[in-house]
Amino acid sequence: TITPLLKRMEKIGLIERERSLQDERKILVCVSDKGKELEEKAVSIPMQLIQNLGKSKLSINDLMTLRNQLNELIDVLQNKESK
């Protein structure tokens, strides 16, 4: 379930949780200021990667090969976690 993830995020200050006043079975989740700061940093990462790759001497084929290998690595790691 998502509850353990939310608890970890709350513990490190990325989100805030509170019970709904209308329906106490519901828990409202809001992104904290610290969470918003992290989001801003995370959003800039793809552009930084693109800029840095543009400066590299790797060809498009090299980059595509690297992407494929990274995707394979991600698949292997995800399969390990699910076992």
N, C-alpha and C. Protein backbone atom coordinates (compact mmCIF):
# COMPACT_ATOMS: atom_id res chain seq x y z
N THR A 1 0.83 -1.20 0.00
CA THR A 1 0.00 0.00 0.00
C THR A 1 0.87 1.25 0.00
N ILE A 2 0.23 2.36 -0.15
CA ILE A 2 0.95 3.63 -0.22
C ILE A 2 1.25 4.21 1.17
N THR A 3 0.59 3.69 2.19
CA THR A 3 0.75 4.23 3.54
C THR A 3 2.20 4.27 4.02
N PRO A 4 2.98 3.19 3.88
CA PRO A 4 4.38 3.26 4.34
C PRO A 4 5.18 4.36 3.63
N LEU A 5 4.95 4.52 2.34
CA LEU A 5 5.64 5.58 1.60
C LEU A 5 5.26 6.95 2.13
N LEU A 6 3.97 7.16 2.37
CA LEU A 6 3.52 8.45 2.90
C LEU A 6 4.11 8.71 4.29
N LYS A 7 4.18 7.67 5.10
CA LYS A 7 4.76 7.83 6.44
C LYS A 7 6.23 8.24 6.35
N ARG A 8 6.97 7.62 5.44
CA ARG A 8 8.39 7.98 5.28
C ARG A 8 8.52 9.42 4.77
N MET A 9 7.67 9.79 3.82
CA MET A 9 7.72 11.16 3.29
C MET A 9 7.36 12.17 4.37
N GLU A 10 6.40 11.83 5.21
CA GLU A 10 6.01 12.72 6.30
C GLU A 10 7.15 12.83 7.32
N LYS A 11 7.79 11.72 7.60
CA LYS A 11 8.87 11.70 8.59
C LYS A 11 10.02 12.61 8.19
N ILE A 12 10.31 12.68 6.89
CA ILE A 12 11.41 13.54 6.45
C ILE A 12 10.93 14.93 6.05
N GLY A 13 9.65 15.20 6.25
CA GLY A 13 9.13 16.55 6.09
C GLY A 13 8.72 16.95 4.69
N LEU A 14 8.50 15.98 3.79
CA LEU A 14 8.11 16.32 2.42
C LEU A 14 6.62 16.55 2.27
N ILE A 15 5.83 15.93 3.14
CA ILE A 15 4.37 16.08 3.09
C ILE A 15 3.83 16.30 4.50
N GLU A 16 2.58 16.73 4.54
CA GLU A 16 1.85 16.85 5.80
C GLU A 16 0.53 16.11 5.61
N ARG A 17 0.13 15.34 6.64
CA ARG A 17 -1.12 14.59 6.56
C ARG A 17 -2.03 15.04 7.69
N GLU A 18 -3.34 15.08 7.38
CA GLU A 18 -4.33 15.38 8.43
C GLU A 18 -5.65 14.74 8.05
N ARG A 19 -6.44 14.42 9.04
CA ARG A 19 -7.76 13.81 8.80
C ARG A 19 -8.72 14.86 8.25
N SER A 20 -9.59 14.41 7.37
CA SER A 20 -10.64 15.27 6.81
C SER A 20 -11.66 15.59 7.90
N LEU A 21 -12.09 16.83 7.95
CA LEU A 21 -13.11 17.22 8.92
C LEU A 21 -14.48 16.69 8.51
N GLN A 22 -14.71 16.54 7.20
CA GLN A 22 -16.00 16.05 6.71
C GLN A 22 -16.13 14.53 6.82
N ASP A 23 -15.03 13.82 6.63
CA ASP A 23 -15.06 12.36 6.65
C ASP A 23 -13.77 11.87 7.30
N GLU A 24 -13.85 11.46 8.54
CA GLU A 24 -12.65 11.09 9.28
C GLU A 24 -11.95 9.84 8.74
N ARG A 25 -12.59 9.14 7.82
CA ARG A 25 -11.92 8.00 7.19
C ARG A 25 -10.88 8.46 6.19
N LYS A 26 -11.02 9.69 5.71
CA LYS A 26 -10.10 10.23 4.70
C LYS A 26 -8.95 10.96 5.37
N ILE A 27 -7.79 10.82 4.75
CA ILE A 27 -6.61 11.57 5.20
C ILE A 27 -6.17 12.46 4.05
N LEU A 28 -6.07 13.74 4.34
CA LEU A 28 -5.64 14.71 3.33
C LEU A 28 -4.12 14.80 3.35
N VAL A 29 -3.53 14.82 2.17
CA VAL A 29 -2.08 14.89 2.04
C VAL A 29 -1.73 16.16 1.28
N CYS A 30 -0.83 16.96 1.87
CA CYS A 30 -0.39 18.20 1.23
C CYS A 30 1.13 18.20 1.15
N VAL A 31 1.65 18.76 0.07
CA VAL A 31 3.09 18.88 -0.08
C VAL A 31 3.57 20.03 0.81
N SER A 32 4.59 19.78 1.60
CA SER A 32 5.14 20.80 2.50
C SER A 32 6.06 21.74 1.72
N ASP A 33 6.51 22.80 2.37
CA ASP A 33 7.46 23.71 1.72
C ASP A 33 8.74 22.98 1.34
N LYS A 34 9.20 22.09 2.22
CA LYS A 34 10.39 21.30 1.92
C LYS A 34 10.15 20.40 0.70
N GLY A 35 8.95 19.83 0.60
CA GLY A 35 8.60 19.00 -0.54
C GLY A 35 8.56 19.80 -1.83
N LYS A 36 8.05 21.03 -1.75
CA LYS A 36 8.01 21.89 -2.94
C LYS A 36 9.42 22.27 -3.39
N GLU A 37 10.31 22.51 -2.43
CA GLU A 37 11.71 22.81 -2.78
C GLU A 37 12.35 21.64 -3.50
N LEU A 38 12.10 20.43 -3.00
CA LEU A 38 12.65 19.24 -3.64
C LEU A 38 12.07 19.07 -5.04
N GLU A 39 10.78 19.34 -5.19
CA GLU A 39 10.15 19.24 -6.51
C GLU A 39 10.81 20.20 -7.49
N GLU A 40 11.07 21.43 -7.06
CA GLU A 40 11.71 22.41 -7.94
C GLU A 40 13.08 21.92 -8.39
N LYS A 41 13.84 21.33 -7.47
CA LYS A 41 15.15 20.80 -7.82
C LYS A 41 15.01 19.64 -8.81
N ALA A 42 14.05 18.76 -8.55
CA ALA A 42 13.87 17.57 -9.39
C ALA A 42 13.44 17.94 -10.80
N VAL A 43 12.61 18.96 -10.92
CA VAL A 43 12.11 19.37 -12.24
C VAL A 43 13.26 19.87 -13.11
N SER A 44 14.28 20.47 -12.51
CA SER A 44 15.38 21.03 -13.30
C SER A 44 16.39 19.97 -13.75
N ILE A 45 16.34 18.79 -13.17
CA ILE A 45 17.34 17.76 -13.48
C ILE A 45 17.33 17.34 -14.96
N PRO A 46 16.17 17.04 -15.56
CA PRO A 46 16.21 16.63 -16.97
C PRO A 46 16.86 17.68 -17.88
N MET A 47 16.57 18.96 -17.66
CA MET A 47 17.16 20.00 -18.49
C MET A 47 18.67 20.05 -18.28
N GLN A 48 19.12 19.90 -17.05
CA GLN A 48 20.56 19.89 -16.78
C GLN A 48 21.23 18.72 -17.49
N LEU A 49 20.57 17.56 -17.47
CA LEU A 49 21.13 16.39 -18.15
C LEU A 49 21.23 16.62 -19.65
N ILE A 50 20.19 17.20 -20.22
CA ILE A 50 20.20 17.47 -21.66
C ILE A 50 21.32 18.43 -22.01
N GLN A 51 21.48 19.49 -21.21
CA GLN A 51 22.55 20.45 -21.46
C GLN A 51 23.92 19.80 -21.35
N ASN A 52 24.10 18.96 -20.34
CA ASN A 52 25.39 18.29 -20.16
C ASN A 52 25.66 17.28 -21.26
N LEU A 53 24.63 16.56 -21.69
CA LEU A 53 24.81 15.60 -22.77
C LEU A 53 25.13 16.30 -24.08
N GLY A 54 24.58 17.50 -24.26
CA GLY A 54 24.88 18.27 -25.46
C GLY A 54 26.35 18.65 -25.52
N LYS A 55 26.99 18.76 -24.38
CA LYS A 55 28.41 19.11 -24.31
C LYS A 55 29.31 17.88 -24.43
N SER A 56 28.72 16.71 -24.32
CA SER A 56 29.53 15.48 -24.34
C SER A 56 29.91 15.12 -25.77
N LYS A 57 30.83 14.19 -25.86
CA LYS A 57 31.29 13.75 -27.17
C LYS A 57 30.60 12.46 -27.60
N LEU A 58 29.53 12.08 -26.89
CA LEU A 58 28.80 10.87 -27.24
C LEU A 58 27.92 11.11 -28.45
N SER A 59 27.86 10.13 -29.33
CA SER A 59 26.97 10.23 -30.49
C SER A 59 25.55 9.89 -30.07
N ILE A 60 24.61 10.16 -30.96
CA ILE A 60 23.21 9.80 -30.70
C ILE A 60 23.09 8.30 -30.47
N ASN A 61 23.80 7.51 -31.28
CA ASN A 61 23.75 6.05 -31.11
C ASN A 61 24.29 5.63 -29.74
N ASP A 62 25.38 6.28 -29.30
CA ASP A 62 25.92 5.99 -27.98
C ASP A 62 24.90 6.30 -26.89
N LEU A 63 24.25 7.45 -27.02
CA LEU A 63 23.25 7.85 -26.03
C LEU A 63 22.06 6.89 -26.01
N MET A 64 21.64 6.44 -27.20
CA MET A 64 20.52 5.50 -27.26
C MET A 64 20.91 4.16 -26.64
N THR A 65 22.13 3.72 -26.90
CA THR A 65 22.62 2.48 -26.30
C THR A 65 22.67 2.61 -24.78
N LEU A 66 23.18 3.73 -24.31
CA LEU A 66 23.23 3.98 -22.87
C LEU A 66 21.83 3.97 -22.27
N ARG A 67 20.89 4.62 -22.94
CA ARG A 67 19.51 4.64 -22.45
C ARG A 67 18.95 3.23 -22.34
N ASN A 68 19.17 2.43 -23.38
CA ASN A 68 18.66 1.05 -23.37
C ASN A 68 19.29 0.24 -22.24
N GLN A 69 20.59 0.41 -22.03
CA GLN A 69 21.26 -0.32 -20.96
C GLN A 69 20.74 0.12 -19.59
N LEU A 70 20.51 1.41 -19.42
CA LEU A 70 19.97 1.90 -18.15
C LEU A 70 18.56 1.37 -17.91
N ASN A 71 17.75 1.31 -18.96
CA ASN A 71 16.40 0.76 -18.82
C ASN A 71 16.45 -0.72 -18.44
N GLU A 72 17.39 -1.46 -19.02
CA GLU A 72 17.55 -2.87 -18.66
C GLU A 72 17.97 -3.00 -17.20
N LEU A 73 18.88 -2.14 -16.76
CA LEU A 73 19.32 -2.16 -15.36
C LEU A 73 18.16 -1.85 -14.42
N ILE A 74 17.34 -0.88 -14.78
CA ILE A 74 16.17 -0.54 -13.97
C ILE A 74 15.23 -1.74 -13.87
N ASP A 75 15.00 -2.41 -15.00
CA ASP A 75 14.13 -3.59 -14.99
C ASP A 75 14.68 -4.67 -14.06
N VAL A 76 15.98 -4.92 -14.14
CA VAL A 76 16.60 -5.94 -13.29
C VAL A 76 16.43 -5.57 -11.82
N LEU A 77 16.69 -4.31 -11.49
CA LEU A 77 16.58 -3.87 -10.09
C LEU A 77 15.14 -3.93 -9.60
N GLN A 78 14.20 -3.56 -10.44
CA GLN A 78 12.79 -3.62 -10.04
C GLN A 78 12.34 -5.06 -9.83
N ASN A 79 12.81 -5.96 -10.67
CA ASN A 79 12.45 -7.37 -10.52
C ASN A 79 13.05 -7.94 -9.25
N LYS A 80 14.26 -7.50 -8.88
CA LYS A 80 14.88 -7.95 -7.64
C LYS A 80 14.08 -7.50 -6.43
N GLU A 81 13.60 -6.25 -6.46
CA GLU A 81 12.83 -5.70 -5.34
C GLU A 81 11.51 -6.41 -5.16
N SER A 82 10.90 -6.85 -6.26
CA SER A 82 9.57 -7.46 -6.16
C SER A 82 9.64 -8.92 -5.70
N LYS A 83 10.83 -9.49 -5.63
CA LYS A 83 10.96 -10.89 -5.20
C LYS A 83 11.14 -10.99 -3.72
